[in-house]
Amino acid sequence: MMGNNNWRPTQPGGVGGGGGTEAALDGGDWRAQLPAEPRERIVNKIMETLKRHLPVSGPESLQELKKIAVRIEEKIYTAATSQGFI
């Protein structure tokens, strides 16, 4: 499997702004206690799905796919209202 040295979780509310407003009103954001590993696992699952449906012709393509997977995961993470299935 490939390393994930370039993957960095965003801070709560970072991408798309505002995320976590309701949790802040409750006195805390569940995202603050979430370790990076579950998010990394989700990025890897998204990557595997993308590889099944999109052509990958080399390391550059793989890096682009990784960027896409990270952006998808960040949007889901930012929009999530609870930890749910993580």
PDB file of N, CA and C in Angstrom:
ATOM      1  N   MET A   1       0.844  -1.187   0.000  1.00  0.00           N
ATOM      2  CA  MET A   1       0.000   0.000   0.000  1.00  0.00           C
ATOM      3  C   MET A   1       0.880   1.238   0.000  1.00  0.00           C
ATOM      4  N   MET A   2       0.364   2.334  -0.429  1.00  0.00           N
ATOM      5  CA  MET A   2       1.154   3.551  -0.495  1.00  0.00           C
ATOM      6  C   MET A   2       1.120   4.314   0.820  1.00  0.00           C
ATOM      7  N   GLY A   3       2.168   5.125   1.062  1.00  0.00           N
ATOM      8  CA  GLY A   3       2.218   5.947   2.264  1.00  0.00           C
ATOM      9  C   GLY A   3       1.258   7.114   2.168  1.00  0.00           C
ATOM     10  N   ASN A   4       0.943   7.693   3.282  1.00  0.00           N
ATOM     11  CA  ASN A   4      -0.003   8.802   3.304  1.00  0.00           C
ATOM     12  C   ASN A   4       0.637  10.042   3.912  1.00  0.00           C
ATOM     13  N   ASN A   5       1.900  10.289   3.544  1.00  0.00           N
ATOM     14  CA  ASN A   5       2.630  11.409   4.126  1.00  0.00           C
ATOM     15  C   ASN A   5       2.055  12.759   3.757  1.00  0.00           C
ATOM     16  N   ASN A   6       1.360  12.853   2.632  1.00  0.00           N
ATOM     17  CA  ASN A   6       0.823  14.139   2.194  1.00  0.00           C
ATOM     18  C   ASN A   6      -0.556  14.426   2.757  1.00  0.00           C
ATOM     19  N   TRP A   7      -1.166  13.451   3.399  1.00  0.00           N
ATOM     20  CA  TRP A   7      -2.529  13.619   3.882  1.00  0.00           C
ATOM     21  C   TRP A   7      -2.507  14.377   5.199  1.00  0.00           C
ATOM     22  N   ARG A   8      -3.279  15.427   5.283  1.00  0.00           N
ATOM     23  CA  ARG A   8      -3.374  16.224   6.501  1.00  0.00           C
ATOM     24  C   ARG A   8      -4.842  16.501   6.780  1.00  0.00           C
ATOM     25  N   PRO A   9      -5.327  16.139   7.966  1.00  0.00           N
ATOM     26  CA  PRO A   9      -6.721  16.463   8.285  1.00  0.00           C
ATOM     27  C   PRO A   9      -6.876  17.967   8.445  1.00  0.00           C
ATOM     28  N   THR A  10      -8.029  18.457   8.062  1.00  0.00           N
ATOM     29  CA  THR A  10      -8.308  19.875   8.238  1.00  0.00           C
ATOM     30  C   THR A  10      -8.755  20.125   9.654  1.00  0.00           C
ATOM     31  N   GLN A  11      -8.630  21.328  10.095  1.00  0.00           N
ATOM     32  CA  GLN A  11      -9.122  21.700  11.414  1.00  0.00           C
ATOM     33  C   GLN A  11     -10.634  21.801  11.357  1.00  0.00           C
ATOM     34  N   PRO A  12     -11.332  21.551  12.445  1.00  0.00           N
ATOM     35  CA  PRO A  12     -12.788  21.659  12.434  1.00  0.00           C
ATOM     36  C   PRO A  12     -13.232  23.015  11.906  1.00  0.00           C
ATOM     37  N   GLY A  13     -14.175  22.971  10.967  1.00  0.00           N
ATOM     38  CA  GLY A  13     -14.699  24.205  10.402  1.00  0.00           C
ATOM     39  C   GLY A  13     -13.775  24.833   9.381  1.00  0.00           C
ATOM     40  N   GLY A  14     -12.659  24.185   9.047  1.00  0.00           N
ATOM     41  CA  GLY A  14     -11.657  24.761   8.149  1.00  0.00           C
ATOM     42  C   GLY A  14     -12.126  24.858   6.713  1.00  0.00           C
ATOM     43  N   VAL A  15     -12.443  23.739   6.100  1.00  0.00           N
ATOM     44  CA  VAL A  15     -12.848  23.735   4.703  1.00  0.00           C
ATOM     45  C   VAL A  15     -14.295  24.145   4.602  1.00  0.00           C
ATOM     46  N   GLY A  16     -14.605  25.043   3.703  1.00  0.00           N
ATOM     47  CA  GLY A  16     -15.976  25.459   3.494  1.00  0.00           C
ATOM     48  C   GLY A  16     -16.486  26.398   4.558  1.00  0.00           C
ATOM     49  N   GLY A  17     -15.649  26.682   5.530  1.00  0.00           N
ATOM     50  CA  GLY A  17     -16.015  27.635   6.580  1.00  0.00           C
ATOM     51  C   GLY A  17     -17.164  27.160   7.438  1.00  0.00           C
ATOM     52  N   GLY A  18     -17.356  27.777   8.534  1.00  0.00           N
ATOM     53  CA  GLY A  18     -18.532  27.613   9.365  1.00  0.00           C
ATOM     54  C   GLY A  18     -18.780  26.274   9.994  1.00  0.00           C
ATOM     55  N   GLY A  19     -18.369  25.125   9.406  1.00  0.00           N
ATOM     56  CA  GLY A  19     -18.743  23.817   9.906  1.00  0.00           C
ATOM     57  C   GLY A  19     -18.534  23.699  11.394  1.00  0.00           C
ATOM     58  N   GLY A  20     -19.455  23.049  12.078  1.00  0.00           N
ATOM     59  CA  GLY A  20     -19.313  22.839  13.502  1.00  0.00           C
ATOM     60  C   GLY A  20     -19.976  23.902  14.355  1.00  0.00           C
ATOM     61  N   THR A  21     -20.727  24.797  13.764  1.00  0.00           N
ATOM     62  CA  THR A  21     -21.374  25.870  14.522  1.00  0.00           C
ATOM     63  C   THR A  21     -22.332  25.303  15.547  1.00  0.00           C
ATOM     64  N   GLU A  22     -23.154  24.315  15.144  1.00  0.00           N
ATOM     65  CA  GLU A  22     -24.109  23.736  16.079  1.00  0.00           C
ATOM     66  C   GLU A  22     -23.395  23.044  17.222  1.00  0.00           C
ATOM     67  N   ALA A  23     -22.299  22.318  16.929  1.00  0.00           N
ATOM     68  CA  ALA A  23     -21.555  21.632  17.973  1.00  0.00           C
ATOM     69  C   ALA A  23     -20.926  22.637  18.927  1.00  0.00           C
ATOM     70  N   ALA A  24     -20.474  23.765  18.406  1.00  0.00           N
ATOM     71  CA  ALA A  24     -19.871  24.794  19.255  1.00  0.00           C
ATOM     72  C   ALA A  24     -20.902  25.321  20.247  1.00  0.00           C
ATOM     73  N   LEU A  25     -22.149  25.394  19.827  1.00  0.00           N
ATOM     74  CA  LEU A  25     -23.197  25.862  20.722  1.00  0.00           C
ATOM     75  C   LEU A  25     -23.452  24.859  21.845  1.00  0.00           C
ATOM     76  N   ASP A  26     -23.185  23.569  21.563  1.00  0.00           N
ATOM     77  CA  ASP A  26     -23.375  22.527  22.566  1.00  0.00           C
ATOM     78  C   ASP A  26     -22.201  22.459  23.543  1.00  0.00           C
ATOM     79  N   GLY A  27     -21.176  23.251  23.339  1.00  0.00           N
ATOM     80  CA  GLY A  27     -20.055  23.255  24.255  1.00  0.00           C
ATOM     81  C   GLY A  27     -18.841  22.482  23.777  1.00  0.00           C
ATOM     82  N   GLY A  28     -18.897  21.852  22.597  1.00  0.00           N
ATOM     83  CA  GLY A  28     -17.739  21.112  22.095  1.00  0.00           C
ATOM     84  C   GLY A  28     -18.005  20.553  20.725  1.00  0.00           C
ATOM     85  N   ASP A  29     -16.928  20.319  20.008  1.00  0.00           N
ATOM     86  CA  ASP A  29     -17.042  19.768  18.657  1.00  0.00           C
ATOM     87  C   ASP A  29     -16.501  18.344  18.676  1.00  0.00           C
ATOM     88  N   TRP A  30     -17.294  17.352  18.265  1.00  0.00           N
ATOM     89  CA  TRP A  30     -16.878  15.961  18.255  1.00  0.00           C
ATOM     90  C   TRP A  30     -15.647  15.769  17.383  1.00  0.00           C
ATOM     91  N   ARG A  31     -15.441  16.632  16.406  1.00  0.00           N
ATOM     92  CA  ARG A  31     -14.296  16.509  15.503  1.00  0.00           C
ATOM     93  C   ARG A  31     -12.967  16.692  16.233  1.00  0.00           C
ATOM     94  N   ALA A  32     -12.966  17.481  17.291  1.00  0.00           N
ATOM     95  CA  ALA A  32     -11.726  17.758  18.024  1.00  0.00           C
ATOM     96  C   ALA A  32     -11.153  16.491  18.660  1.00  0.00           C
ATOM     97  N   GLN A  33     -11.989  15.524  18.991  1.00  0.00           N
ATOM     98  CA  GLN A  33     -11.512  14.289  19.606  1.00  0.00           C
ATOM     99  C   GLN A  33     -11.260  13.171  18.594  1.00  0.00           C
ATOM    100  N   LEU A  34     -11.548  13.384  17.327  1.00  0.00           N
ATOM    101  CA  LEU A  34     -11.404  12.340  16.318  1.00  0.00           C
ATOM    102  C   LEU A  34      -9.956  12.224  15.866  1.00  0.00           C
ATOM    103  N   PRO A  35      -9.330  11.049  16.057  1.00  0.00           N
ATOM    104  CA  PRO A  35      -7.943  10.883  15.598  1.00  0.00           C
ATOM    105  C   PRO A  35      -7.871  10.860  14.069  1.00  0.00           C
ATOM    106  N   ALA A  36      -6.683  11.039  13.529  1.00  0.00           N
ATOM    107  CA  ALA A  36      -6.491  11.103  12.078  1.00  0.00           C
ATOM    108  C   ALA A  36      -6.701   9.754  11.396  1.00  0.00           C
ATOM    109  N   GLU A  37      -6.481   8.647  12.088  1.00  0.00           N
ATOM    110  CA  GLU A  37      -6.540   7.327  11.456  1.00  0.00           C
ATOM    111  C   GLU A  37      -7.881   7.003  10.803  1.00  0.00           C
ATOM    112  N   PRO A  38      -9.019   7.257  11.461  1.00  0.00           N
ATOM    113  CA  PRO A  38     -10.286   6.953  10.784  1.00  0.00           C
ATOM    114  C   PRO A  38     -10.465   7.763   9.501  1.00  0.00           C
ATOM    115  N   ARG A  39     -10.030   8.999   9.515  1.00  0.00           N
ATOM    116  CA  ARG A  39     -10.144   9.833   8.312  1.00  0.00           C
ATOM    117  C   ARG A  39      -9.229   9.306   7.218  1.00  0.00           C
ATOM    118  N   GLU A  40      -8.056   8.857   7.589  1.00  0.00           N
ATOM    119  CA  GLU A  40      -7.113   8.306   6.617  1.00  0.00           C
ATOM    120  C   GLU A  40      -7.683   7.039   5.985  1.00  0.00           C
ATOM    121  N   ARG A  41      -8.319   6.191   6.816  1.00  0.00           N
ATOM    122  CA  ARG A  41      -8.951   4.976   6.300  1.00  0.00           C
ATOM    123  C   ARG A  41     -10.033   5.318   5.283  1.00  0.00           C
ATOM    124  N   ILE A  42     -10.813   6.339   5.572  1.00  0.00           N
ATOM    125  CA  ILE A  42     -11.872   6.747   4.646  1.00  0.00           C
ATOM    126  C   ILE A  42     -11.275   7.256   3.347  1.00  0.00           C
ATOM    127  N   VAL A  43     -10.209   8.054   3.424  1.00  0.00           N
ATOM    128  CA  VAL A  43      -9.535   8.536   2.209  1.00  0.00           C
ATOM    129  C   VAL A  43      -9.062   7.342   1.379  1.00  0.00           C
ATOM    130  N   ASN A  44      -8.495   6.328   2.042  1.00  0.00           N
ATOM    131  CA  ASN A  44      -8.022   5.144   1.318  1.00  0.00           C
ATOM    132  C   ASN A  44      -9.173   4.391   0.649  1.00  0.00           C
ATOM    133  N   LYS A  45     -10.315   4.303   1.326  1.00  0.00           N
ATOM    134  CA  LYS A  45     -11.478   3.636   0.722  1.00  0.00           C
ATOM    135  C   LYS A  45     -11.974   4.415  -0.492  1.00  0.00           C
ATOM    136  N   ILE A  46     -12.005   5.738  -0.375  1.00  0.00           N
ATOM    137  CA  ILE A  46     -12.416   6.572  -1.509  1.00  0.00           C
ATOM    138  C   ILE A  46     -11.443   6.371  -2.664  1.00  0.00           C
ATOM    139  N   MET A  47     -10.133   6.330  -2.358  1.00  0.00           N
ATOM    140  CA  MET A  47      -9.102   6.098  -3.378  1.00  0.00           C
ATOM    141  C   MET A  47      -9.347   4.787  -4.117  1.00  0.00           C
ATOM    142  N   GLU A  48      -9.593   3.717  -3.368  1.00  0.00           N
ATOM    143  CA  GLU A  48      -9.825   2.402  -3.992  1.00  0.00           C
ATOM    144  C   GLU A  48     -11.035   2.447  -4.917  1.00  0.00           C
ATOM    145  N   THR A  49     -12.078   3.118  -4.494  1.00  0.00           N
ATOM    146  CA  THR A  49     -13.277   3.242  -5.338  1.00  0.00           C
ATOM    147  C   THR A  49     -12.973   4.042  -6.589  1.00  0.00           C
ATOM    148  N   LEU A  50     -12.271   5.159  -6.434  1.00  0.00           N
ATOM    149  CA  LEU A  50     -11.921   5.974  -7.595  1.00  0.00           C
ATOM    150  C   LEU A  50     -11.051   5.199  -8.584  1.00  0.00           C
ATOM    151  N   LYS A  51     -10.103   4.401  -8.073  1.00  0.00           N
ATOM    152  CA  LYS A  51      -9.222   3.617  -8.949  1.00  0.00           C
ATOM    153  C   LYS A  51      -9.996   2.593  -9.765  1.00  0.00           C
ATOM    154  N   ARG A  52     -11.093   2.089  -9.194  1.00  0.00           N
ATOM    155  CA  ARG A  52     -11.912   1.114  -9.932  1.00  0.00           C
ATOM    156  C   ARG A  52     -12.682   1.758 -11.079  1.00  0.00           C
ATOM    157  N   HIS A  53     -12.919   3.068 -10.976  1.00  0.00           N
ATOM    158  CA  HIS A  53     -13.774   3.732 -11.960  1.00  0.00           C
ATOM    159  C   HIS A  53     -13.053   4.729 -12.857  1.00  0.00           C
ATOM    160  N   LEU A  54     -11.829   5.094 -12.500  1.00  0.00           N
ATOM    161  CA  LEU A  54     -11.081   6.079 -13.280  1.00  0.00           C
ATOM    162  C   LEU A  54      -9.731   5.507 -13.694  1.00  0.00           C
ATOM    163  N   PRO A  55      -9.265   5.864 -14.893  1.00  0.00           N
ATOM    164  CA  PRO A  55      -7.966   5.350 -15.338  1.00  0.00           C
ATOM    165  C   PRO A  55      -6.818   5.987 -14.548  1.00  0.00           C
ATOM    166  N   VAL A  56      -5.860   5.144 -14.150  1.00  0.00           N
ATOM    167  CA  VAL A  56      -4.656   5.615 -13.460  1.00  0.00           C
ATOM    168  C   VAL A  56      -3.476   5.162 -14.299  1.00  0.00           C
ATOM    169  N   SER A  57      -2.725   6.138 -14.844  1.00  0.00           N
ATOM    170  CA  SER A  57      -1.651   5.782 -15.770  1.00  0.00           C
ATOM    171  C   SER A  57      -0.252   6.006 -15.215  1.00  0.00           C
ATOM    172  N   GLY A  58      -0.128   6.398 -13.981  1.00  0.00           N
ATOM    173  CA  GLY A  58       1.200   6.608 -13.414  1.00  0.00           C
ATOM    174  C   GLY A  58       1.133   7.325 -12.089  1.00  0.00           C
ATOM    175  N   PRO A  59       2.305   7.649 -11.533  1.00  0.00           N
ATOM    176  CA  PRO A  59       2.350   8.301 -10.218  1.00  0.00           C
ATOM    177  C   PRO A  59       1.618   9.646 -10.185  1.00  0.00           C
ATOM    178  N   GLU A  60       1.677  10.398 -11.283  1.00  0.00           N
ATOM    179  CA  GLU A  60       0.992  11.696 -11.310  1.00  0.00           C
ATOM    180  C   GLU A  60      -0.516  11.504 -11.221  1.00  0.00           C
ATOM    181  N   SER A  61      -1.020  10.524 -11.931  1.00  0.00           N
ATOM    182  CA  SER A  61      -2.459  10.230 -11.883  1.00  0.00           C
ATOM    183  C   SER A  61      -2.874   9.795 -10.487  1.00  0.00           C
ATOM    184  N   LEU A  62      -2.020   8.998  -9.857  1.00  0.00           N
ATOM    185  CA  LEU A  62      -2.316   8.518  -8.513  1.00  0.00           C
ATOM    186  C   LEU A  62      -2.349   9.681  -7.519  1.00  0.00           C
ATOM    187  N   GLN A  63      -1.430  10.630  -7.661  1.00  0.00           N
ATOM    188  CA  GLN A  63      -1.413  11.803  -6.780  1.00  0.00           C
ATOM    189  C   GLN A  63      -2.665  12.649  -6.983  1.00  0.00           C
ATOM    190  N   GLU A  64      -3.103  12.813  -8.227  1.00  0.00           N
ATOM    191  CA  GLU A  64      -4.332  13.561  -8.507  1.00  0.00           C
ATOM    192  C   GLU A  64      -5.530  12.865  -7.879  1.00  0.00           C
ATOM    193  N   LEU A  65      -5.575  11.538  -8.002  1.00  0.00           N
ATOM    194  CA  LEU A  65      -6.660  10.765  -7.403  1.00  0.00           C
ATOM    195  C   LEU A  65      -6.656  10.942  -5.883  1.00  0.00           C
ATOM    196  N   LYS A  66      -5.477  10.971  -5.282  1.00  0.00           N
ATOM    197  CA  LYS A  66      -5.343  11.169  -3.838  1.00  0.00           C
ATOM    198  C   LYS A  66      -5.890  12.540  -3.442  1.00  0.00           C
ATOM    199  N   LYS A  67      -5.553  13.575  -4.228  1.00  0.00           N
ATOM    200  CA  LYS A  67      -6.056  14.922  -3.943  1.00  0.00           C
ATOM    201  C   LYS A  67      -7.576  14.960  -4.004  1.00  0.00           C
ATOM    202  N   ILE A  68      -8.138  14.277  -4.995  1.00  0.00           N
ATOM    203  CA  ILE A  68      -9.594  14.231  -5.150  1.00  0.00           C
ATOM    204  C   ILE A  68     -10.212  13.517  -3.943  1.00  0.00           C
ATOM    205  N   ALA A  69      -9.626  12.378  -3.552  1.00  0.00           N
ATOM    206  CA  ALA A  69     -10.146  11.613  -2.414  1.00  0.00           C
ATOM    207  C   ALA A  69     -10.096  12.437  -1.136  1.00  0.00           C
ATOM    208  N   VAL A  70      -9.021  13.172  -0.924  1.00  0.00           N
ATOM    209  CA  VAL A  70      -8.890  14.006   0.272  1.00  0.00           C
ATOM    210  C   VAL A  70      -9.952  15.098   0.265  1.00  0.00           C
ATOM    211  N   ARG A  71     -10.174  15.723  -0.894  1.00  0.00           N
ATOM    212  CA  ARG A  71     -11.203  16.778  -0.963  1.00  0.00           C
ATOM    213  C   ARG A  71     -12.591  16.221  -0.689  1.00  0.00           C
ATOM    214  N   ILE A  72     -12.889  15.039  -1.215  1.00  0.00           N
ATOM    215  CA  ILE A  72     -14.196  14.413  -0.968  1.00  0.00           C
ATOM    216  C   ILE A  72     -14.359  14.148   0.525  1.00  0.00           C
ATOM    217  N   GLU A  73     -13.324  13.561   1.148  1.00  0.00           N
ATOM    218  CA  GLU A  73     -13.390  13.256   2.575  1.00  0.00           C
ATOM    219  C   GLU A  73     -13.544  14.526   3.399  1.00  0.00           C
ATOM    220  N   GLU A  74     -12.837  15.586   3.032  1.00  0.00           N
ATOM    221  CA  GLU A  74     -12.935  16.850   3.766  1.00  0.00           C
ATOM    222  C   GLU A  74     -14.343  17.426   3.698  1.00  0.00           C
ATOM    223  N   LYS A  75     -14.968  17.331   2.538  1.00  0.00           N
ATOM    224  CA  LYS A  75     -16.340  17.841   2.398  1.00  0.00           C
ATOM    225  C   LYS A  75     -17.309  17.031   3.261  1.00  0.00           C
ATOM    226  N   ILE A  76     -17.138  15.720   3.274  1.00  0.00           N
ATOM    227  CA  ILE A  76     -18.001  14.870   4.093  1.00  0.00           C
ATOM    228  C   ILE A  76     -17.769  15.172   5.567  1.00  0.00           C
ATOM    229  N   TYR A  77     -16.515  15.274   5.963  1.00  0.00           N
ATOM    230  CA  TYR A  77     -16.144  15.562   7.355  1.00  0.00           C
ATOM    231  C   TYR A  77     -16.708  16.895   7.818  1.00  0.00           C
ATOM    232  N   THR A  78     -16.593  17.899   6.967  1.00  0.00           N
ATOM    233  CA  THR A  78     -17.072  19.227   7.315  1.00  0.00           C
ATOM    234  C   THR A  78     -18.597  19.269   7.420  1.00  0.00           C
ATOM    235  N   ALA A  79     -19.282  18.509   6.553  1.00  0.00           N
ATOM    236  CA  ALA A  79     -20.742  18.524   6.542  1.00  0.00           C
ATOM    237  C   ALA A  79     -21.358  17.620   7.612  1.00  0.00           C
ATOM    238  N   ALA A  80     -20.567  16.691   8.162  1.00  0.00           N
ATOM    239  CA  ALA A  80     -21.095  15.727   9.131  1.00  0.00           C
ATOM    240  C   ALA A  80     -21.598  16.430  10.389  1.00  0.00           C
ATOM    241  N   THR A  81     -22.700  15.941  10.912  1.00  0.00           N
ATOM    242  CA  THR A  81     -23.252  16.498  12.140  1.00  0.00           C
ATOM    243  C   THR A  81     -22.918  15.648  13.363  1.00  0.00           C
ATOM    244  N   SER A  82     -22.421  14.415  13.109  1.00  0.00           N
ATOM    245  CA  SER A  82     -21.982  13.545  14.200  1.00  0.00           C
ATOM    246  C   SER A  82     -20.953  12.571  13.651  1.00  0.00           C
ATOM    247  N   GLN A  83     -20.337  11.808  14.540  1.00  0.00           N
ATOM    248  CA  GLN A  83     -19.298  10.892  14.148  1.00  0.00           C
ATOM    249  C   GLN A  83     -19.846   9.724  13.327  1.00  0.00           C
ATOM    250  N   GLY A  84     -21.067   9.337  13.560  1.00  0.00           N
ATOM    251  CA  GLY A  84     -21.737   8.325  12.774  1.00  0.00           C
ATOM    252  C   GLY A  84     -20.960   7.032  12.578  1.00  0.00           C
ATOM    253  N   PHE A  85     -20.635   6.714  11.315  1.00  0.00           N
ATOM    254  CA  PHE A  85     -20.044   5.423  10.965  1.00  0.00           C
ATOM    255  C   PHE A  85     -18.529   5.426  10.959  1.00  0.00           C
ATOM    256  N   ILE A  86     -17.897   6.475  11.430  1.00  0.00           N
ATOM    257  CA  ILE A  86     -16.432   6.539  11.363  1.00  0.00           C
ATOM    258  C   ILE A  86     -15.821   5.487  12.234  1.00  0.00           C
TER     259      ILE A  86
END
